[in-house]
Amino acid sequence: MNNKNRLQPSSRVLPITLPAIDGSKFDLSSMTGKRYMLSFYRFAACPFCNLRIHELIQRLDELGGDFGIVAIFDSPLDNLQHHAADHHAPFPILADESNQFYRAYGIEHSVTGMLSGMILRMPTLLKGMFKGYLPTTIKGSITTMPADFLIDEDGIIQFAHYGRDEGDHIPFHQLKAFAQSRNNKRLFERAVAG
């Protein structure tokens, strides 16, 4: 994987404007003033990705009412709508068909990461498929690796997690610690350290 284009903590979030699953245009500047996670996913039919979206929706209350999530998929909008509309997510799900923002954020591609994710995370893959998240139409790159960015109220990246394999996202306990650490930075630092 190529690490030279990765965004680092303390970098300012880069502007993003993309079509959302509901047909609207989403502008990342609308998140200014709140803490949020910006997540880059693989193609819209990816079982790992859809299971992660499902789990985030199920546990959203644990993050607090003022915490936001923005999800971006490596797919055309119509394909994203076909595979992810049933989530009825209370946060924006966006389509970056041209990969413009994947490149800007240094999102990586890895054949090794794709294969190791299928092998090492087989139980998670099967869980996603049993929930009905089947990779029936793959529109987007199958070698795209996920990435998560935790961003503060001022639009500064506090933590950048570039996935090592296709199912590697920031652990939920770290996400929760960041969401709850608005006035307690040590809480988040402890969660990241251990």
C-alpha atoms as a PDB file:
ATOM      1  CA  MET A   1       0.000   0.000   0.000  1.00  0.00           C
ATOM      2  CA  ASN A   2       1.129   3.523  -0.745  1.00  0.00           C
ATOM      3  CA  ASN A   3       1.320   5.627   2.435  1.00  0.00           C
ATOM      4  CA  LYS A   4       2.688   8.896   1.031  1.00  0.00           C
ATOM      5  CA  ASN A   5      -0.724  10.508   0.424  1.00  0.00           C
ATOM      6  CA  ARG A   6      -2.248   9.709   3.799  1.00  0.00           C
ATOM      7  CA  LEU A   7      -3.740  12.618   5.719  1.00  0.00           C
ATOM      8  CA  GLN A   8      -2.276  13.042   9.174  1.00  0.00           C
ATOM      9  CA  PRO A   9      -3.833  14.092  12.483  1.00  0.00           C
ATOM     10  CA  SER A  10      -3.892  17.890  12.893  1.00  0.00           C
ATOM     11  CA  SER A  11      -4.606  18.302   9.146  1.00  0.00           C
ATOM     12  CA  ARG A  12      -7.690  20.281   8.208  1.00  0.00           C
ATOM     13  CA  VAL A  13     -10.460  18.252   6.628  1.00  0.00           C
ATOM     14  CA  LEU A  14     -10.596  18.692   2.850  1.00  0.00           C
ATOM     15  CA  PRO A  15     -13.807  20.041   1.256  1.00  0.00           C
ATOM     16  CA  ILE A  16     -16.230  17.446  -0.085  1.00  0.00           C
ATOM     17  CA  THR A  17     -19.408  17.892  -2.131  1.00  0.00           C
ATOM     18  CA  LEU A  18     -21.099  14.696  -3.359  1.00  0.00           C
ATOM     19  CA  PRO A  19     -24.524  13.283  -4.232  1.00  0.00           C
ATOM     20  CA  ALA A  20     -26.275  11.604  -1.309  1.00  0.00           C
ATOM     21  CA  ILE A  21     -28.319   8.432  -1.372  1.00  0.00           C
ATOM     22  CA  ASP A  22     -31.532  10.465  -0.952  1.00  0.00           C
ATOM     23  CA  GLY A  23     -30.809  12.370  -4.164  1.00  0.00           C
ATOM     24  CA  SER A  24     -29.647  15.595  -2.485  1.00  0.00           C
ATOM     25  CA  LYS A  25     -26.198  17.201  -2.719  1.00  0.00           C
ATOM     26  CA  PHE A  26     -24.190  16.981   0.492  1.00  0.00           C
ATOM     27  CA  ASP A  27     -21.520  19.515   1.427  1.00  0.00           C
ATOM     28  CA  LEU A  28     -19.100  18.520   4.202  1.00  0.00           C
ATOM     29  CA  SER A  29     -18.983  22.128   5.401  1.00  0.00           C
ATOM     30  CA  SER A  30     -22.433  21.484   6.911  1.00  0.00           C
ATOM     31  CA  MET A  31     -20.662  19.438   9.614  1.00  0.00           C
ATOM     32  CA  THR A  32     -18.669  22.418  10.914  1.00  0.00           C
ATOM     33  CA  GLY A  33     -19.201  22.925  14.631  1.00  0.00           C
ATOM     34  CA  LYS A  34     -19.779  19.268  15.491  1.00  0.00           C
ATOM     35  CA  ARG A  35     -17.645  16.181  16.026  1.00  0.00           C
ATOM     36  CA  TYR A  36     -18.030  13.491  13.416  1.00  0.00           C
ATOM     37  CA  MET A  37     -16.537  10.479  11.706  1.00  0.00           C
ATOM     38  CA  LEU A  38     -15.864  10.623   7.973  1.00  0.00           C
ATOM     39  CA  SER A  39     -15.714   7.066   6.609  1.00  0.00           C
ATOM     40  CA  PHE A  40     -14.650   5.811   3.206  1.00  0.00           C
ATOM     41  CA  TYR A  41     -16.060   2.442   2.213  1.00  0.00           C
ATOM     42  CA  ARG A  42     -15.587   0.049  -0.671  1.00  0.00           C
ATOM     43  CA  PHE A  43     -18.163  -0.665  -3.398  1.00  0.00           C
ATOM     44  CA  ALA A  44     -21.867  -0.434  -2.489  1.00  0.00           C
ATOM     45  CA  ALA A  45     -22.507  -4.215  -2.413  1.00  0.00           C
ATOM     46  CA  CYS A  46     -19.569  -4.948  -0.078  1.00  0.00           C
ATOM     47  CA  PRO A  47     -20.803  -7.201   2.784  1.00  0.00           C
ATOM     48  CA  PHE A  48     -18.204  -5.787   5.220  1.00  0.00           C
ATOM     49  CA  CYS A  49     -19.253  -2.214   4.439  1.00  0.00           C
ATOM     50  CA  ASN A  50     -22.983  -2.814   4.727  1.00  0.00           C
ATOM     51  CA  LEU A  51     -22.550  -4.713   7.979  1.00  0.00           C
ATOM     52  CA  ARG A  52     -20.518  -1.797   9.369  1.00  0.00           C
ATOM     53  CA  ILE A  53     -23.239   0.700   8.322  1.00  0.00           C
ATOM     54  CA  HIS A  54     -25.863  -1.548   9.942  1.00  0.00           C
ATOM     55  CA  GLU A  55     -23.879  -1.762  13.191  1.00  0.00           C
ATOM     56  CA  LEU A  56     -23.280   2.007  13.280  1.00  0.00           C
ATOM     57  CA  ILE A  57     -27.016   2.627  12.904  1.00  0.00           C
ATOM     58  CA  GLN A  58     -27.794   0.105  15.651  1.00  0.00           C
ATOM     59  CA  ARG A  59     -25.321   1.729  18.074  1.00  0.00           C
ATOM     60  CA  LEU A  60     -25.700   5.371  17.070  1.00  0.00           C
ATOM     61  CA  ASP A  61     -27.346   6.302  20.391  1.00  0.00           C
ATOM     62  CA  GLU A  62     -24.134   5.322  22.196  1.00  0.00           C
ATOM     63  CA  LEU A  63     -22.302   8.140  20.392  1.00  0.00           C
ATOM     64  CA  GLY A  64     -24.530  10.933  21.697  1.00  0.00           C
ATOM     65  CA  GLY A  65     -27.106  13.020  19.898  1.00  0.00           C
ATOM     66  CA  ASP A  66     -24.741  15.667  18.582  1.00  0.00           C
ATOM     67  CA  PHE A  67     -22.176  13.301  17.015  1.00  0.00           C
ATOM     68  CA  GLY A  68     -22.274  12.900  13.235  1.00  0.00           C
ATOM     69  CA  ILE A  69     -21.275  10.292  10.680  1.00  0.00           C
ATOM     70  CA  VAL A  70     -20.635  10.775   6.971  1.00  0.00           C
ATOM     71  CA  ALA A  71     -20.231   7.628   4.843  1.00  0.00           C
ATOM     72  CA  ILE A  72     -18.754   7.639   1.314  1.00  0.00           C
ATOM     73  CA  PHE A  73     -18.870   4.696  -1.094  1.00  0.00           C
ATOM     74  CA  ASP A  74     -16.745   3.901  -4.133  1.00  0.00           C
ATOM     75  CA  SER A  75     -19.826   3.434  -6.374  1.00  0.00           C
ATOM     76  CA  PRO A  76     -22.181   5.212  -8.747  1.00  0.00           C
ATOM     77  CA  LEU A  77     -25.235   6.744  -7.049  1.00  0.00           C
ATOM     78  CA  ASP A  78     -27.803   4.406  -8.628  1.00  0.00           C
ATOM     79  CA  ASN A  79     -25.843   1.342  -7.493  1.00  0.00           C
ATOM     80  CA  LEU A  80     -25.459   2.802  -4.002  1.00  0.00           C
ATOM     81  CA  GLN A  81     -29.197   3.471  -3.832  1.00  0.00           C
ATOM     82  CA  HIS A  82     -29.891  -0.116  -4.913  1.00  0.00           C
ATOM     83  CA  HIS A  83     -27.651  -1.669  -2.242  1.00  0.00           C
ATOM     84  CA  ALA A  84     -27.796   0.749   0.692  1.00  0.00           C
ATOM     85  CA  ALA A  85     -31.170   2.545   0.642  1.00  0.00           C
ATOM     86  CA  ASP A  86     -32.744  -0.120   2.873  1.00  0.00           C
ATOM     87  CA  HIS A  87     -30.484   0.964   5.733  1.00  0.00           C
ATOM     88  CA  HIS A  88     -32.573   4.148   6.128  1.00  0.00           C
ATOM     89  CA  ALA A  89     -29.472   5.644   7.729  1.00  0.00           C
ATOM     90  CA  PRO A  90     -29.967   8.775   9.829  1.00  0.00           C
ATOM     91  CA  PHE A  91     -26.673  10.100   8.451  1.00  0.00           C
ATOM     92  CA  PRO A  92     -25.546  10.943   4.901  1.00  0.00           C
ATOM     93  CA  ILE A  93     -24.381   8.136   2.627  1.00  0.00           C
ATOM     94  CA  LEU A  94     -22.585   9.526  -0.421  1.00  0.00           C
ATOM     95  CA  ALA A  95     -21.425   8.260  -3.816  1.00  0.00           C
ATOM     96  CA  ASP A  96     -17.961   9.142  -5.139  1.00  0.00           C
ATOM     97  CA  GLU A  97     -18.104   7.371  -8.498  1.00  0.00           C
ATOM     98  CA  SER A  98     -15.072   9.237  -9.897  1.00  0.00           C
ATOM     99  CA  ASN A  99     -12.958   8.592  -6.764  1.00  0.00           C
ATOM    100  CA  GLN A 100     -12.084  12.290  -6.617  1.00  0.00           C
ATOM    101  CA  PHE A 101     -12.217  12.398  -2.832  1.00  0.00           C
ATOM    102  CA  TYR A 102     -10.746   8.926  -2.386  1.00  0.00           C
ATOM    103  CA  ARG A 103      -7.622  10.278  -4.092  1.00  0.00           C
ATOM    104  CA  ALA A 104      -7.678  13.550  -2.120  1.00  0.00           C
ATOM    105  CA  TYR A 105      -7.816  11.663   1.192  1.00  0.00           C
ATOM    106  CA  GLY A 106      -5.143   9.139   0.185  1.00  0.00           C
ATOM    107  CA  ILE A 107      -7.463   6.119   0.276  1.00  0.00           C
ATOM    108  CA  GLU A 108      -5.474   3.061  -0.654  1.00  0.00           C
ATOM    109  CA  HIS A 109      -5.924  -0.020  -2.849  1.00  0.00           C
ATOM    110  CA  SER A 110      -4.539  -3.418  -1.956  1.00  0.00           C
ATOM    111  CA  VAL A 111      -4.988  -6.859  -3.475  1.00  0.00           C
ATOM    112  CA  THR A 112      -3.276  -8.312  -0.390  1.00  0.00           C
ATOM    113  CA  GLY A 113      -5.661  -6.420   1.904  1.00  0.00           C
ATOM    114  CA  MET A 114      -8.647  -7.672  -0.073  1.00  0.00           C
ATOM    115  CA  LEU A 115      -7.517 -11.295   0.105  1.00  0.00           C
ATOM    116  CA  SER A 116      -6.441 -11.215   3.757  1.00  0.00           C
ATOM    117  CA  GLY A 117      -9.766  -9.614   4.718  1.00  0.00           C
ATOM    118  CA  MET A 118     -11.688 -12.428   3.020  1.00  0.00           C
ATOM    119  CA  ILE A 119      -9.608 -15.061   4.811  1.00  0.00           C
ATOM    120  CA  LEU A 120      -8.975 -13.526   8.253  1.00  0.00           C
ATOM    121  CA  ARG A 121     -12.418 -11.951   8.601  1.00  0.00           C
ATOM    122  CA  MET A 122     -14.424 -14.840   7.171  1.00  0.00           C
ATOM    123  CA  PRO A 123     -16.878 -14.928  10.141  1.00  0.00           C
ATOM    124  CA  THR A 124     -17.637 -11.211   9.629  1.00  0.00           C
ATOM    125  CA  LEU A 125     -17.991 -11.719   5.879  1.00  0.00           C
ATOM    126  CA  LEU A 126     -20.434 -14.580   6.437  1.00  0.00           C
ATOM    127  CA  LYS A 127     -22.382 -12.576   9.023  1.00  0.00           C
ATOM    128  CA  GLY A 128     -22.820  -9.768   6.489  1.00  0.00           C
ATOM    129  CA  MET A 129     -23.903 -12.191   3.781  1.00  0.00           C
ATOM    130  CA  PHE A 130     -26.380 -13.939   6.109  1.00  0.00           C
ATOM    131  CA  LYS A 131     -27.909 -10.507   6.778  1.00  0.00           C
ATOM    132  CA  GLY A 132     -28.514 -10.235   3.051  1.00  0.00           C
ATOM    133  CA  TYR A 133     -25.547  -8.045   2.105  1.00  0.00           C
ATOM    134  CA  LEU A 134     -24.575  -9.981  -0.992  1.00  0.00           C
ATOM    135  CA  PRO A 135     -22.020  -8.668  -3.501  1.00  0.00           C
ATOM    136  CA  THR A 136     -24.347  -9.199  -6.463  1.00  0.00           C
ATOM    137  CA  THR A 137     -23.323  -6.169  -8.552  1.00  0.00           C
ATOM    138  CA  ILE A 138     -19.834  -4.844  -8.021  1.00  0.00           C
ATOM    139  CA  LYS A 139     -19.516  -1.295  -9.324  1.00  0.00           C
ATOM    140  CA  GLY A 140     -16.352   0.240  -7.930  1.00  0.00           C
ATOM    141  CA  SER A 141     -12.939  -1.194  -7.177  1.00  0.00           C
ATOM    142  CA  ILE A 142     -12.759  -4.444  -5.217  1.00  0.00           C
ATOM    143  CA  THR A 143      -9.272  -3.495  -3.978  1.00  0.00           C
ATOM    144  CA  THR A 144     -10.334  -0.237  -2.265  1.00  0.00           C
ATOM    145  CA  MET A 145      -9.423  -0.270   1.426  1.00  0.00           C
ATOM    146  CA  PRO A 146     -11.636   1.480   3.998  1.00  0.00           C
ATOM    147  CA  ALA A 147     -10.573   4.504   6.028  1.00  0.00           C
ATOM    148  CA  ASP A 148     -12.052   6.435   8.964  1.00  0.00           C
ATOM    149  CA  PHE A 149     -11.288   9.987  10.078  1.00  0.00           C
ATOM    150  CA  LEU A 150     -12.346  11.424  13.433  1.00  0.00           C
ATOM    151  CA  ILE A 151     -12.860  15.151  13.036  1.00  0.00           C
ATOM    152  CA  ASP A 152     -13.361  17.794  15.718  1.00  0.00           C
ATOM    153  CA  GLU A 153     -15.679  20.790  15.824  1.00  0.00           C
ATOM    154  CA  ASP A 154     -13.131  22.985  14.020  1.00  0.00           C
ATOM    155  CA  GLY A 155     -12.739  20.614  11.072  1.00  0.00           C
ATOM    156  CA  ILE A 156      -9.382  19.241  12.262  1.00  0.00           C
ATOM    157  CA  ILE A 157      -8.587  15.548  11.844  1.00  0.00           C
ATOM    158  CA  GLN A 158      -7.839  14.170  15.299  1.00  0.00           C
ATOM    159  CA  PHE A 159      -7.356  10.545  14.256  1.00  0.00           C
ATOM    160  CA  ALA A 160      -6.889   8.852  10.865  1.00  0.00           C
ATOM    161  CA  HIS A 161      -7.402   5.103  10.517  1.00  0.00           C
ATOM    162  CA  TYR A 162      -6.408   3.607   7.157  1.00  0.00           C
ATOM    163  CA  GLY A 163      -7.672   0.026   6.931  1.00  0.00           C
ATOM    164  CA  ARG A 164      -5.124  -2.767   6.479  1.00  0.00           C
ATOM    165  CA  ASP A 165      -7.751  -5.025   4.934  1.00  0.00           C
ATOM    166  CA  GLU A 166     -11.256  -4.777   3.488  1.00  0.00           C
ATOM    167  CA  GLY A 167     -13.017  -5.049   6.850  1.00  0.00           C
ATOM    168  CA  ASP A 168     -10.627  -2.968   8.979  1.00  0.00           C
ATOM    169  CA  HIS A 169     -12.386   0.069  10.474  1.00  0.00           C
ATOM    170  CA  ILE A 170     -11.686   2.050  13.614  1.00  0.00           C
ATOM    171  CA  PRO A 171     -12.906  -0.039  16.574  1.00  0.00           C
ATOM    172  CA  PHE A 172     -16.245   1.101  17.968  1.00  0.00           C
ATOM    173  CA  HIS A 173     -14.835   1.706  21.468  1.00  0.00           C
ATOM    174  CA  GLN A 174     -12.391   4.279  20.014  1.00  0.00           C
ATOM    175  CA  LEU A 175     -15.173   5.934  18.044  1.00  0.00           C
ATOM    176  CA  LYS A 176     -17.328   6.100  21.176  1.00  0.00           C
ATOM    177  CA  ALA A 177     -14.472   7.531  23.257  1.00  0.00           C
ATOM    178  CA  PHE A 178     -13.917  10.252  20.655  1.00  0.00           C
ATOM    179  CA  ALA A 179     -17.629  11.074  20.509  1.00  0.00           C
ATOM    180  CA  GLN A 180     -17.751  11.396  24.293  1.00  0.00           C
ATOM    181  CA  SER A 181     -14.401  13.149  24.790  1.00  0.00           C
ATOM    182  CA  ARG A 182     -15.505  16.659  23.830  1.00  0.00           C
ATOM    183  CA  ASN A 183     -14.389  17.946  27.228  1.00  0.00           C
ATOM    184  CA  ASN A 184     -12.033  15.103  28.134  1.00  0.00           C
ATOM    185  CA  LYS A 185      -9.211  14.568  25.647  1.00  0.00           C
ATOM    186  CA  ARG A 186      -7.529  11.982  27.894  1.00  0.00           C
ATOM    187  CA  LEU A 187     -10.541   9.674  27.564  1.00  0.00           C
ATOM    188  CA  PHE A 188      -9.960   9.451  23.811  1.00  0.00           C
ATOM    189  CA  GLU A 189      -6.166   9.165  24.143  1.00  0.00           C
ATOM    190  CA  ARG A 190      -6.583   6.203  26.513  1.00  0.00           C
ATOM    191  CA  ALA A 191      -8.995   4.475  24.095  1.00  0.00           C
ATOM    192  CA  VAL A 192      -6.587   4.916  21.161  1.00  0.00           C
ATOM    193  CA  ALA A 193      -3.624   3.677  23.204  1.00  0.00           C
ATOM    194  CA  GLY A 194      -5.291   0.526  24.415  1.00  0.00           C
END
